[in-house]
Amino acid sequence: MSGTCLLPGAVPTAYRRSVSTQTVAARQPPVEYIPRITAQYIGLGYGEYRWVHSETPSPWTPLTKPISECRVGLIATGGVYAVGQTAFHYRDDTTYRAIPTDVDTSDLRATHFAYDLTDARSDINCVFPIEALRALRDSGEIGELGPNAYTLMGGIYSTRRVREELIPELAKRCVADELDVVLLVPV
């Protein structure tokens, strides 16, 4: 915010703009993620969290056409679900939700154990940027949107279950939706 006067030693407040309402509000300071996630996993009865290290590099697949001609998908890990769908469970929930990309955002909810839901509950687009993708589609920056976006609850402890259960299911859905590119939104 321009014109803000700070006293010596004061920490400036960060601000964020809501995609849907364009209102500006103070934002929470950054979270000390590593100590927080370690404490949360121990509190949930797991051992200390071990970061995933892949044995093989991710396959790089360059686009074969301009992004303005691509069918774009969305996969978000913020625990978003639509009214009428079952909320995610906090412990090793490897399910996902298919949400139509024409959904009214007022019908979306979020649940998650690993982040403060305040911002997501006031503007779901901060963890599920469907309105931004619609705007990019409408302006011609991207081609069309896939019929559904897919959501899950990140922070799943079992990387084996993610690799063997969740990822193959999401990959099948992306192929069935004929997506050219997918935006992955982690939290």
N, C-alpha and C. Protein backbone atom coordinates (compact mmCIF):
# COMPACT_ATOMS: atom_id res chain seq x y z
N MET A 1 0.86 -1.16 0.00
CA MET A 1 0.00 0.00 0.00
C MET A 1 0.90 1.23 0.00
N SER A 2 0.71 2.08 -0.93
CA SER A 2 1.55 3.26 -1.00
C SER A 2 1.16 4.23 0.11
N GLY A 3 2.14 4.97 0.57
CA GLY A 3 1.88 5.98 1.59
C GLY A 3 1.89 5.43 3.00
N THR A 4 2.20 4.13 3.18
CA THR A 4 2.24 3.56 4.52
C THR A 4 3.51 4.03 5.21
N CYS A 5 3.36 4.55 6.42
CA CYS A 5 4.50 5.04 7.19
C CYS A 5 4.83 4.02 8.27
N LEU A 6 6.09 3.60 8.33
CA LEU A 6 6.49 2.62 9.33
C LEU A 6 7.40 3.26 10.35
N LEU A 7 7.22 2.90 11.59
CA LEU A 7 8.13 3.31 12.64
C LEU A 7 9.40 2.48 12.53
N PRO A 8 10.53 2.99 13.01
CA PRO A 8 11.76 2.21 12.95
C PRO A 8 11.56 0.85 13.62
N GLY A 9 11.99 -0.21 12.94
CA GLY A 9 11.87 -1.56 13.49
C GLY A 9 10.52 -2.22 13.21
N ALA A 10 9.57 -1.48 12.64
CA ALA A 10 8.26 -2.06 12.36
C ALA A 10 8.35 -2.98 11.14
N VAL A 11 7.54 -4.01 11.14
CA VAL A 11 7.49 -4.94 10.02
C VAL A 11 6.31 -4.56 9.14
N PRO A 12 6.54 -4.36 7.85
CA PRO A 12 5.42 -3.98 6.98
C PRO A 12 4.40 -5.11 6.89
N THR A 13 3.16 -4.73 6.78
CA THR A 13 2.08 -5.70 6.62
C THR A 13 1.99 -6.07 5.15
N ALA A 14 1.83 -7.35 4.88
CA ALA A 14 1.63 -7.80 3.50
C ALA A 14 0.14 -7.73 3.19
N TYR A 15 -0.16 -7.54 1.94
CA TYR A 15 -1.56 -7.44 1.53
C TYR A 15 -1.83 -8.42 0.40
N ARG A 16 -3.09 -8.80 0.27
CA ARG A 16 -3.50 -9.65 -0.84
C ARG A 16 -4.79 -9.09 -1.41
N ARG A 17 -4.99 -9.30 -2.69
CA ARG A 17 -6.20 -8.84 -3.36
C ARG A 17 -7.05 -10.06 -3.70
N SER A 18 -8.32 -10.02 -3.32
CA SER A 18 -9.25 -11.10 -3.63
C SER A 18 -9.53 -11.11 -5.13
N VAL A 19 -9.42 -12.29 -5.74
CA VAL A 19 -9.70 -12.42 -7.17
C VAL A 19 -11.17 -12.13 -7.44
N SER A 20 -12.05 -12.64 -6.58
CA SER A 20 -13.48 -12.51 -6.87
C SER A 20 -14.05 -11.15 -6.52
N THR A 21 -13.59 -10.53 -5.43
CA THR A 21 -14.19 -9.26 -5.01
C THR A 21 -13.30 -8.05 -5.24
N GLN A 22 -12.02 -8.28 -5.56
CA GLN A 22 -11.03 -7.23 -5.76
C GLN A 22 -10.77 -6.41 -4.50
N THR A 23 -11.21 -6.89 -3.33
CA THR A 23 -10.94 -6.18 -2.09
C THR A 23 -9.51 -6.50 -1.65
N VAL A 24 -8.92 -5.55 -0.96
CA VAL A 24 -7.56 -5.71 -0.46
C VAL A 24 -7.64 -5.87 1.05
N ALA A 25 -6.92 -6.86 1.57
CA ALA A 25 -6.93 -7.11 3.00
C ALA A 25 -5.52 -7.48 3.46
N ALA A 26 -5.27 -7.26 4.74
CA ALA A 26 -3.99 -7.66 5.31
C ALA A 26 -3.86 -9.17 5.21
N ARG A 27 -2.66 -9.62 4.95
CA ARG A 27 -2.40 -11.05 4.80
C ARG A 27 -1.59 -11.52 6.00
N GLN A 28 -1.76 -12.78 6.34
CA GLN A 28 -1.00 -13.35 7.44
C GLN A 28 0.47 -13.45 7.04
N PRO A 29 1.37 -13.36 8.01
CA PRO A 29 2.79 -13.51 7.69
C PRO A 29 3.08 -14.94 7.23
N PRO A 30 4.21 -15.17 6.58
CA PRO A 30 4.56 -16.52 6.13
C PRO A 30 4.60 -17.51 7.30
N VAL A 31 4.28 -18.75 7.01
CA VAL A 31 4.28 -19.81 8.01
C VAL A 31 5.65 -20.49 7.99
N GLU A 32 6.17 -20.78 9.16
CA GLU A 32 7.40 -21.57 9.26
C GLU A 32 6.99 -23.01 8.98
N TYR A 33 6.97 -23.39 7.71
CA TYR A 33 6.35 -24.63 7.27
C TYR A 33 7.02 -25.89 7.83
N ILE A 34 8.32 -25.99 7.73
CA ILE A 34 8.99 -27.24 8.12
C ILE A 34 8.78 -27.56 9.59
N PRO A 35 9.02 -26.64 10.54
CA PRO A 35 8.74 -26.98 11.94
C PRO A 35 7.25 -27.26 12.18
N ARG A 36 6.39 -26.53 11.49
CA ARG A 36 4.95 -26.72 11.70
C ARG A 36 4.50 -28.10 11.21
N ILE A 37 4.91 -28.51 10.02
CA ILE A 37 4.47 -29.80 9.49
C ILE A 37 5.07 -30.94 10.30
N THR A 38 6.29 -30.78 10.78
CA THR A 38 6.90 -31.80 11.63
C THR A 38 6.08 -31.99 12.90
N ALA A 39 5.72 -30.89 13.55
CA ALA A 39 4.92 -30.97 14.78
C ALA A 39 3.53 -31.55 14.51
N GLN A 40 2.92 -31.17 13.39
CA GLN A 40 1.58 -31.69 13.07
C GLN A 40 1.60 -33.19 12.83
N TYR A 41 2.58 -33.69 12.11
CA TYR A 41 2.64 -35.12 11.84
C TYR A 41 2.89 -35.91 13.12
N ILE A 42 3.75 -35.42 13.98
CA ILE A 42 3.97 -36.09 15.26
C ILE A 42 2.68 -36.08 16.07
N GLY A 43 1.96 -34.95 16.07
CA GLY A 43 0.69 -34.84 16.78
C GLY A 43 -0.38 -35.77 16.24
N LEU A 44 -0.30 -36.13 14.97
CA LEU A 44 -1.27 -37.06 14.37
C LEU A 44 -0.88 -38.52 14.58
N GLY A 45 0.24 -38.75 15.26
CA GLY A 45 0.63 -40.12 15.56
C GLY A 45 1.60 -40.74 14.57
N TYR A 46 2.09 -39.95 13.63
CA TYR A 46 3.09 -40.45 12.70
C TYR A 46 4.47 -40.19 13.27
N GLY A 47 5.47 -40.79 12.63
CA GLY A 47 6.84 -40.46 12.97
C GLY A 47 7.18 -39.10 12.39
N GLU A 48 8.41 -38.66 12.62
CA GLU A 48 8.82 -37.37 12.07
C GLU A 48 8.71 -37.41 10.54
N TYR A 49 8.22 -36.32 9.97
CA TYR A 49 7.99 -36.26 8.52
C TYR A 49 9.30 -36.39 7.76
N ARG A 50 9.30 -37.23 6.74
CA ARG A 50 10.46 -37.37 5.86
C ARG A 50 10.08 -36.82 4.50
N TRP A 51 10.86 -35.91 3.99
CA TRP A 51 10.59 -35.30 2.69
C TRP A 51 10.82 -36.33 1.59
N VAL A 52 10.01 -36.27 0.57
CA VAL A 52 10.07 -37.22 -0.53
C VAL A 52 11.25 -36.90 -1.43
N HIS A 53 11.97 -37.92 -1.79
CA HIS A 53 13.07 -37.80 -2.75
C HIS A 53 12.81 -38.82 -3.85
N SER A 54 12.58 -38.34 -5.05
CA SER A 54 12.29 -39.23 -6.18
C SER A 54 13.58 -39.84 -6.70
N GLU A 55 13.49 -41.11 -7.05
CA GLU A 55 14.65 -41.81 -7.61
C GLU A 55 14.87 -41.44 -9.08
N THR A 56 13.81 -40.98 -9.73
CA THR A 56 13.91 -40.63 -11.14
C THR A 56 13.40 -39.20 -11.35
N PRO A 57 13.94 -38.50 -12.32
CA PRO A 57 13.44 -37.15 -12.58
C PRO A 57 12.04 -37.19 -13.18
N SER A 58 11.30 -36.14 -12.97
CA SER A 58 9.97 -36.03 -13.58
C SER A 58 10.12 -35.95 -15.09
N PRO A 59 9.25 -36.63 -15.82
CA PRO A 59 9.36 -36.56 -17.29
C PRO A 59 8.94 -35.18 -17.79
N TRP A 60 9.77 -34.59 -18.61
CA TRP A 60 9.45 -33.28 -19.18
C TRP A 60 8.76 -33.51 -20.51
N THR A 61 7.58 -32.94 -20.66
CA THR A 61 6.82 -33.07 -21.90
C THR A 61 6.50 -31.68 -22.41
N PRO A 62 7.22 -31.19 -23.40
CA PRO A 62 6.94 -29.85 -23.91
C PRO A 62 5.59 -29.80 -24.63
N LEU A 63 4.97 -28.64 -24.60
CA LEU A 63 3.70 -28.46 -25.30
C LEU A 63 3.94 -28.56 -26.80
N THR A 64 2.95 -29.11 -27.49
CA THR A 64 3.06 -29.26 -28.94
C THR A 64 2.26 -28.20 -29.68
N LYS A 65 1.60 -27.33 -28.92
CA LYS A 65 0.83 -26.24 -29.53
C LYS A 65 0.83 -25.06 -28.57
N PRO A 66 0.47 -23.88 -29.03
CA PRO A 66 0.44 -22.71 -28.14
C PRO A 66 -0.55 -22.91 -26.99
N ILE A 67 -0.23 -22.34 -25.85
CA ILE A 67 -1.11 -22.45 -24.69
C ILE A 67 -2.50 -21.89 -24.99
N SER A 68 -2.57 -20.94 -25.89
CA SER A 68 -3.87 -20.35 -26.26
C SER A 68 -4.77 -21.34 -26.99
N GLU A 69 -4.21 -22.47 -27.41
CA GLU A 69 -4.99 -23.51 -28.08
C GLU A 69 -5.15 -24.76 -27.21
N CYS A 70 -4.63 -24.72 -26.00
CA CYS A 70 -4.62 -25.90 -25.14
C CYS A 70 -5.88 -26.02 -24.30
N ARG A 71 -6.27 -27.26 -24.05
CA ARG A 71 -7.31 -27.56 -23.06
C ARG A 71 -6.59 -27.68 -21.72
N VAL A 72 -6.97 -26.85 -20.77
CA VAL A 72 -6.26 -26.72 -19.51
C VAL A 72 -7.05 -27.37 -18.38
N GLY A 73 -6.34 -28.11 -17.55
CA GLY A 73 -6.94 -28.73 -16.37
C GLY A 73 -6.41 -28.09 -15.10
N LEU A 74 -7.07 -28.39 -14.00
CA LEU A 74 -6.68 -27.87 -12.69
C LEU A 74 -6.70 -29.01 -11.69
N ILE A 75 -5.59 -29.19 -10.98
CA ILE A 75 -5.52 -30.10 -9.85
C ILE A 75 -5.02 -29.29 -8.67
N ALA A 76 -5.81 -29.25 -7.60
CA ALA A 76 -5.47 -28.44 -6.44
C ALA A 76 -5.45 -29.31 -5.18
N THR A 77 -4.49 -29.04 -4.30
CA THR A 77 -4.29 -29.87 -3.11
C THR A 77 -4.81 -29.23 -1.83
N GLY A 78 -5.68 -28.23 -1.95
CA GLY A 78 -6.15 -27.49 -0.79
C GLY A 78 -7.36 -28.06 -0.08
N GLY A 79 -7.79 -29.28 -0.41
CA GLY A 79 -8.93 -29.88 0.26
C GLY A 79 -10.26 -29.26 -0.11
N VAL A 80 -10.38 -28.76 -1.34
CA VAL A 80 -11.62 -28.11 -1.79
C VAL A 80 -12.62 -29.18 -2.23
N TYR A 81 -13.87 -28.95 -1.87
CA TYR A 81 -14.96 -29.83 -2.31
C TYR A 81 -16.21 -28.99 -2.51
N ALA A 82 -17.15 -29.52 -3.26
CA ALA A 82 -18.39 -28.80 -3.55
C ALA A 82 -19.47 -29.21 -2.55
N VAL A 83 -20.40 -28.30 -2.31
CA VAL A 83 -21.55 -28.62 -1.47
C VAL A 83 -22.19 -29.90 -2.02
N GLY A 84 -22.48 -30.83 -1.14
CA GLY A 84 -23.05 -32.11 -1.55
C GLY A 84 -22.01 -33.22 -1.67
N GLN A 85 -20.73 -32.85 -1.77
CA GLN A 85 -19.66 -33.85 -1.78
C GLN A 85 -19.18 -34.06 -0.35
N THR A 86 -18.56 -35.20 -0.11
CA THR A 86 -18.01 -35.52 1.20
C THR A 86 -16.73 -34.73 1.42
N ALA A 87 -16.59 -34.14 2.60
CA ALA A 87 -15.36 -33.43 2.95
C ALA A 87 -14.22 -34.45 3.06
N PHE A 88 -13.00 -33.96 2.97
CA PHE A 88 -11.84 -34.83 3.09
C PHE A 88 -11.58 -35.16 4.56
N HIS A 89 -11.00 -36.34 4.80
CA HIS A 89 -10.61 -36.76 6.14
C HIS A 89 -9.18 -36.29 6.36
N TYR A 90 -8.83 -35.99 7.58
CA TYR A 90 -7.52 -35.40 7.86
C TYR A 90 -6.37 -36.39 7.77
N ARG A 91 -6.64 -37.67 7.83
CA ARG A 91 -5.52 -38.62 7.94
C ARG A 91 -5.42 -39.52 6.72
N ASP A 92 -4.42 -39.28 5.91
CA ASP A 92 -4.08 -40.12 4.75
C ASP A 92 -5.25 -40.35 3.80
N ASP A 93 -6.02 -39.33 3.55
CA ASP A 93 -7.15 -39.43 2.62
C ASP A 93 -6.61 -39.32 1.19
N THR A 94 -6.59 -40.42 0.47
CA THR A 94 -6.07 -40.41 -0.90
C THR A 94 -7.19 -40.33 -1.94
N THR A 95 -8.37 -39.88 -1.51
CA THR A 95 -9.46 -39.70 -2.47
C THR A 95 -9.32 -38.34 -3.14
N TYR A 96 -10.10 -38.14 -4.17
CA TYR A 96 -10.13 -36.84 -4.85
C TYR A 96 -11.57 -36.51 -5.16
N ARG A 97 -11.82 -35.25 -5.48
CA ARG A 97 -13.15 -34.80 -5.87
C ARG A 97 -13.06 -34.20 -7.27
N ALA A 98 -14.02 -34.56 -8.11
CA ALA A 98 -14.16 -33.93 -9.43
C ALA A 98 -15.17 -32.80 -9.28
N ILE A 99 -14.76 -31.61 -9.64
CA ILE A 99 -15.61 -30.42 -9.51
C ILE A 99 -15.77 -29.81 -10.90
N PRO A 100 -17.01 -29.69 -11.40
CA PRO A 100 -17.20 -29.08 -12.72
C PRO A 100 -16.57 -27.69 -12.78
N THR A 101 -15.92 -27.38 -13.89
CA THR A 101 -15.23 -26.09 -13.99
C THR A 101 -16.19 -24.92 -14.15
N ASP A 102 -17.47 -25.18 -14.31
CA ASP A 102 -18.45 -24.09 -14.34
C ASP A 102 -19.14 -23.91 -12.98
N VAL A 103 -18.57 -24.50 -11.94
CA VAL A 103 -19.15 -24.43 -10.60
C VAL A 103 -19.24 -22.98 -10.12
N ASP A 104 -20.28 -22.68 -9.38
CA ASP A 104 -20.39 -21.39 -8.70
C ASP A 104 -19.49 -21.47 -7.47
N THR A 105 -18.53 -20.57 -7.36
CA THR A 105 -17.57 -20.66 -6.26
C THR A 105 -18.22 -20.54 -4.88
N SER A 106 -19.42 -19.99 -4.81
CA SER A 106 -20.10 -19.93 -3.51
C SER A 106 -20.52 -21.32 -3.05
N ASP A 107 -20.47 -22.31 -3.94
CA ASP A 107 -20.80 -23.69 -3.59
C ASP A 107 -19.57 -24.51 -3.22
N LEU A 108 -18.42 -23.87 -3.07
CA LEU A 108 -17.19 -24.59 -2.74
C LEU A 108 -16.82 -24.39 -1.28
N ARG A 109 -16.23 -25.42 -0.71
CA ARG A 109 -15.78 -25.40 0.68
C ARG A 109 -14.35 -25.95 0.71
N ALA A 110 -13.65 -25.71 1.82
CA ALA A 110 -12.30 -26.25 1.98
C ALA A 110 -12.14 -26.83 3.38
N THR A 111 -11.44 -27.92 3.44
CA THR A 111 -11.06 -28.52 4.72
C THR A 111 -9.65 -29.06 4.58
N HIS A 112 -8.83 -28.84 5.57
CA HIS A 112 -7.44 -29.29 5.52
C HIS A 112 -6.85 -29.17 6.91
N PHE A 113 -5.95 -30.09 7.25
CA PHE A 113 -5.32 -30.04 8.56
C PHE A 113 -4.03 -29.23 8.58
N ALA A 114 -3.45 -28.95 7.43
CA ALA A 114 -2.09 -28.42 7.40
C ALA A 114 -1.97 -26.94 7.05
N TYR A 115 -3.07 -26.24 6.86
CA TYR A 115 -2.95 -24.80 6.63
C TYR A 115 -4.15 -24.09 7.24
N ASP A 116 -3.96 -22.83 7.54
CA ASP A 116 -5.02 -21.99 8.09
C ASP A 116 -6.04 -21.74 6.98
N LEU A 117 -7.27 -22.13 7.21
CA LEU A 117 -8.31 -22.05 6.18
C LEU A 117 -8.97 -20.68 6.06
N THR A 118 -8.56 -19.71 6.85
CA THR A 118 -9.22 -18.40 6.86
C THR A 118 -9.31 -17.79 5.47
N ASP A 119 -8.18 -17.70 4.77
CA ASP A 119 -8.19 -17.09 3.44
C ASP A 119 -8.98 -17.93 2.44
N ALA A 120 -8.82 -19.24 2.49
CA ALA A 120 -9.55 -20.12 1.56
C ALA A 120 -11.05 -20.00 1.75
N ARG A 121 -11.47 -19.84 2.98
CA ARG A 121 -12.90 -19.74 3.24
C ARG A 121 -13.46 -18.37 2.87
N SER A 122 -12.61 -17.35 2.81
CA SER A 122 -13.11 -16.03 2.38
C SER A 122 -12.97 -15.85 0.86
N ASP A 123 -12.00 -16.51 0.24
CA ASP A 123 -11.82 -16.46 -1.22
C ASP A 123 -11.21 -17.78 -1.67
N ILE A 124 -12.04 -18.71 -2.06
CA ILE A 124 -11.60 -20.05 -2.44
C ILE A 124 -10.57 -20.03 -3.56
N ASN A 125 -10.53 -18.95 -4.33
CA ASN A 125 -9.59 -18.85 -5.44
C ASN A 125 -8.13 -18.84 -5.02
N CYS A 126 -7.84 -18.57 -3.75
CA CYS A 126 -6.44 -18.57 -3.33
C CYS A 126 -5.86 -19.98 -3.29
N VAL A 127 -6.71 -21.01 -3.22
CA VAL A 127 -6.25 -22.39 -3.27
C VAL A 127 -6.83 -23.17 -4.44
N PHE A 128 -7.82 -22.58 -5.11
CA PHE A 128 -8.51 -23.22 -6.23
C PHE A 128 -8.84 -22.12 -7.25
N PRO A 129 -7.85 -21.70 -8.06
CA PRO A 129 -7.99 -20.49 -8.88
C PRO A 129 -8.86 -20.66 -10.13
N ILE A 130 -10.06 -21.12 -9.96
CA ILE A 130 -10.94 -21.38 -11.10
C ILE A 130 -11.37 -20.09 -11.79
N GLU A 131 -11.62 -19.03 -11.02
CA GLU A 131 -12.03 -17.77 -11.65
C GLU A 131 -10.91 -17.16 -12.48
N ALA A 132 -9.67 -17.30 -12.03
CA ALA A 132 -8.53 -16.81 -12.81
C ALA A 132 -8.40 -17.61 -14.11
N LEU A 133 -8.60 -18.92 -14.04
CA LEU A 133 -8.54 -19.73 -15.25
C LEU A 133 -9.67 -19.38 -16.21
N ARG A 134 -10.85 -19.12 -15.67
CA ARG A 134 -11.96 -18.71 -16.54
C ARG A 134 -11.64 -17.39 -17.24
N ALA A 135 -11.04 -16.45 -16.49
CA ALA A 135 -10.67 -15.16 -17.08
C ALA A 135 -9.62 -15.34 -18.17
N LEU A 136 -8.65 -16.22 -17.95
CA LEU A 136 -7.64 -16.50 -18.98
C LEU A 136 -8.27 -17.14 -20.22
N ARG A 137 -9.23 -18.03 -19.99
CA ARG A 137 -9.96 -18.63 -21.12
C ARG A 137 -10.75 -17.57 -21.88
N ASP A 138 -11.48 -16.75 -21.13
CA ASP A 138 -12.33 -15.74 -21.76
C ASP A 138 -11.53 -14.70 -22.54
N SER A 139 -10.29 -14.44 -22.10
CA SER A 139 -9.45 -13.46 -22.80
C SER A 139 -8.64 -14.09 -23.93
N GLY A 140 -8.73 -15.41 -24.08
CA GLY A 140 -8.00 -16.09 -25.14
C GLY A 140 -6.56 -16.44 -24.79
N GLU A 141 -6.15 -16.19 -23.56
CA GLU A 141 -4.78 -16.53 -23.14
C GLU A 141 -4.56 -18.04 -23.12
N ILE A 142 -5.60 -18.77 -22.73
CA ILE A 142 -5.56 -20.23 -22.77
C ILE A 142 -6.74 -20.67 -23.64
N GLY A 143 -6.70 -21.93 -24.06
CA GLY A 143 -7.82 -22.47 -24.83
C GLY A 143 -9.00 -22.72 -23.90
N GLU A 144 -9.58 -23.87 -24.00
CA GLU A 144 -10.73 -24.17 -23.15
C GLU A 144 -10.29 -24.83 -21.85
N LEU A 145 -11.21 -24.86 -20.90
CA LEU A 145 -10.98 -25.58 -19.66
C LEU A 145 -11.52 -26.99 -19.81
N GLY A 146 -10.89 -27.94 -19.11
CA GLY A 146 -11.44 -29.28 -19.07
C GLY A 146 -12.79 -29.24 -18.37
N PRO A 147 -13.59 -30.29 -18.50
CA PRO A 147 -14.93 -30.28 -17.91
C PRO A 147 -14.91 -30.28 -16.38
N ASN A 148 -13.87 -30.84 -15.80
CA ASN A 148 -13.77 -30.92 -14.35
C ASN A 148 -12.40 -30.48 -13.88
N ALA A 149 -12.37 -29.94 -12.67
CA ALA A 149 -11.12 -29.73 -11.95
C ALA A 149 -11.07 -30.83 -10.90
N TYR A 150 -9.89 -31.15 -10.43
CA TYR A 150 -9.74 -32.23 -9.45
C TYR A 150 -9.05 -31.68 -8.21
N THR A 151 -9.59 -32.07 -7.07
CA THR A 151 -9.03 -31.60 -5.81
C THR A 151 -8.74 -32.78 -4.91
N LEU A 152 -7.79 -32.57 -4.05
CA LEU A 152 -7.41 -33.57 -3.06
C LEU A 152 -6.90 -32.83 -1.84
N MET A 153 -6.63 -33.59 -0.81
CA MET A 153 -6.06 -32.96 0.37
C MET A 153 -4.57 -33.28 0.38
N GLY A 154 -3.76 -32.28 0.18
CA GLY A 154 -2.32 -32.47 0.24
C GLY A 154 -1.91 -32.83 1.67
N GLY A 155 -0.66 -33.11 1.85
CA GLY A 155 -0.18 -33.48 3.18
C GLY A 155 -0.42 -34.94 3.48
N ILE A 156 -0.60 -35.76 2.45
CA ILE A 156 -0.82 -37.19 2.64
C ILE A 156 0.51 -37.82 3.04
N TYR A 157 0.52 -38.51 4.16
CA TYR A 157 1.77 -39.04 4.71
C TYR A 157 2.34 -40.17 3.85
N SER A 158 1.49 -41.03 3.34
CA SER A 158 1.95 -42.21 2.60
C SER A 158 2.24 -41.86 1.15
N THR A 159 3.50 -41.65 0.84
CA THR A 159 3.87 -41.37 -0.55
C THR A 159 3.61 -42.59 -1.43
N ARG A 160 3.70 -43.78 -0.85
CA ARG A 160 3.41 -45.00 -1.62
C ARG A 160 1.97 -44.99 -2.09
N ARG A 161 1.03 -44.66 -1.22
CA ARG A 161 -0.38 -44.63 -1.60
C ARG A 161 -0.66 -43.53 -2.62
N VAL A 162 0.01 -42.40 -2.47
CA VAL A 162 -0.15 -41.33 -3.47
C VAL A 162 0.32 -41.83 -4.83
N ARG A 163 1.50 -42.43 -4.85
CA ARG A 163 2.10 -42.91 -6.10
C ARG A 163 1.29 -44.07 -6.71
N GLU A 164 0.80 -45.00 -5.89
CA GLU A 164 0.15 -46.20 -6.40
C GLU A 164 -1.37 -46.06 -6.57
N GLU A 165 -2.01 -45.20 -5.79
CA GLU A 165 -3.47 -45.08 -5.84
C GLU A 165 -3.94 -43.77 -6.46
N LEU A 166 -3.52 -42.66 -5.89
CA LEU A 166 -4.06 -41.36 -6.27
C LEU A 166 -3.58 -40.89 -7.64
N ILE A 167 -2.28 -40.88 -7.85
CA ILE A 167 -1.73 -40.36 -9.11
C ILE A 167 -2.24 -41.12 -10.33
N PRO A 168 -2.27 -42.46 -10.32
CA PRO A 168 -2.82 -43.15 -11.50
C PRO A 168 -4.28 -42.79 -11.78
N GLU A 169 -5.09 -42.61 -10.74
CA GLU A 169 -6.49 -42.23 -10.95
C GLU A 169 -6.60 -40.83 -11.55
N LEU A 170 -5.83 -39.89 -11.02
CA LEU A 170 -5.87 -38.54 -11.57
C LEU A 170 -5.34 -38.51 -13.01
N ALA A 171 -4.31 -39.29 -13.28
CA ALA A 171 -3.78 -39.36 -14.65
C ALA A 171 -4.83 -39.89 -15.61
N LYS A 172 -5.58 -40.92 -15.20
CA LYS A 172 -6.65 -41.45 -16.05
C LYS A 172 -7.71 -40.38 -16.33
N ARG A 173 -8.06 -39.63 -15.30
CA ARG A 173 -9.07 -38.58 -15.49
C ARG A 173 -8.57 -37.50 -16.45
N CYS A 174 -7.31 -37.12 -16.32
CA CYS A 174 -6.74 -36.10 -17.21
C CYS A 174 -6.72 -36.58 -18.65
N VAL A 175 -6.37 -37.83 -18.87
CA VAL A 175 -6.38 -38.40 -20.22
C VAL A 175 -7.81 -38.44 -20.76
N ALA A 176 -8.75 -38.91 -19.92
CA ALA A 176 -10.16 -38.98 -20.36
C ALA A 176 -10.71 -37.60 -20.70
N ASP A 177 -10.26 -36.57 -19.97
CA ASP A 177 -10.71 -35.20 -20.23
C ASP A 177 -9.97 -34.55 -21.40
N GLU A 178 -9.02 -35.28 -21.99
CA GLU A 178 -8.23 -34.81 -23.13
C GLU A 178 -7.53 -33.49 -22.83
N LEU A 179 -6.88 -33.43 -21.66
CA LEU A 179 -6.17 -32.22 -21.25
C LEU A 179 -4.81 -32.16 -21.92
N ASP A 180 -4.42 -30.96 -22.33
CA ASP A 180 -3.10 -30.75 -22.90
C ASP A 180 -2.09 -30.35 -21.84
N VAL A 181 -2.56 -29.65 -20.83
CA VAL A 181 -1.70 -29.15 -19.76
C VAL A 181 -2.55 -29.05 -18.49
N VAL A 182 -1.89 -29.24 -17.35
CA VAL A 182 -2.58 -29.17 -16.06
C VAL A 182 -1.84 -28.21 -15.15
N LEU A 183 -2.61 -27.33 -14.52
CA LEU A 183 -2.06 -26.45 -13.50
C LEU A 183 -2.20 -27.16 -12.16
N LEU A 184 -1.08 -27.42 -11.49
CA LEU A 184 -1.09 -28.04 -10.17
C LEU A 184 -0.91 -26.95 -9.13
N VAL A 185 -1.87 -26.85 -8.21
CA VAL A 185 -1.84 -25.82 -7.18
C VAL A 185 -1.61 -26.48 -5.83
N PRO A 186 -0.37 -26.44 -5.32
CA PRO A 186 -0.10 -27.01 -4.00
C PRO A 186 -0.42 -26.00 -2.90
N VAL A 187 -0.63 -26.51 -1.71
CA VAL A 187 -0.76 -25.62 -0.54
C VAL A 187 0.33 -25.94 0.44
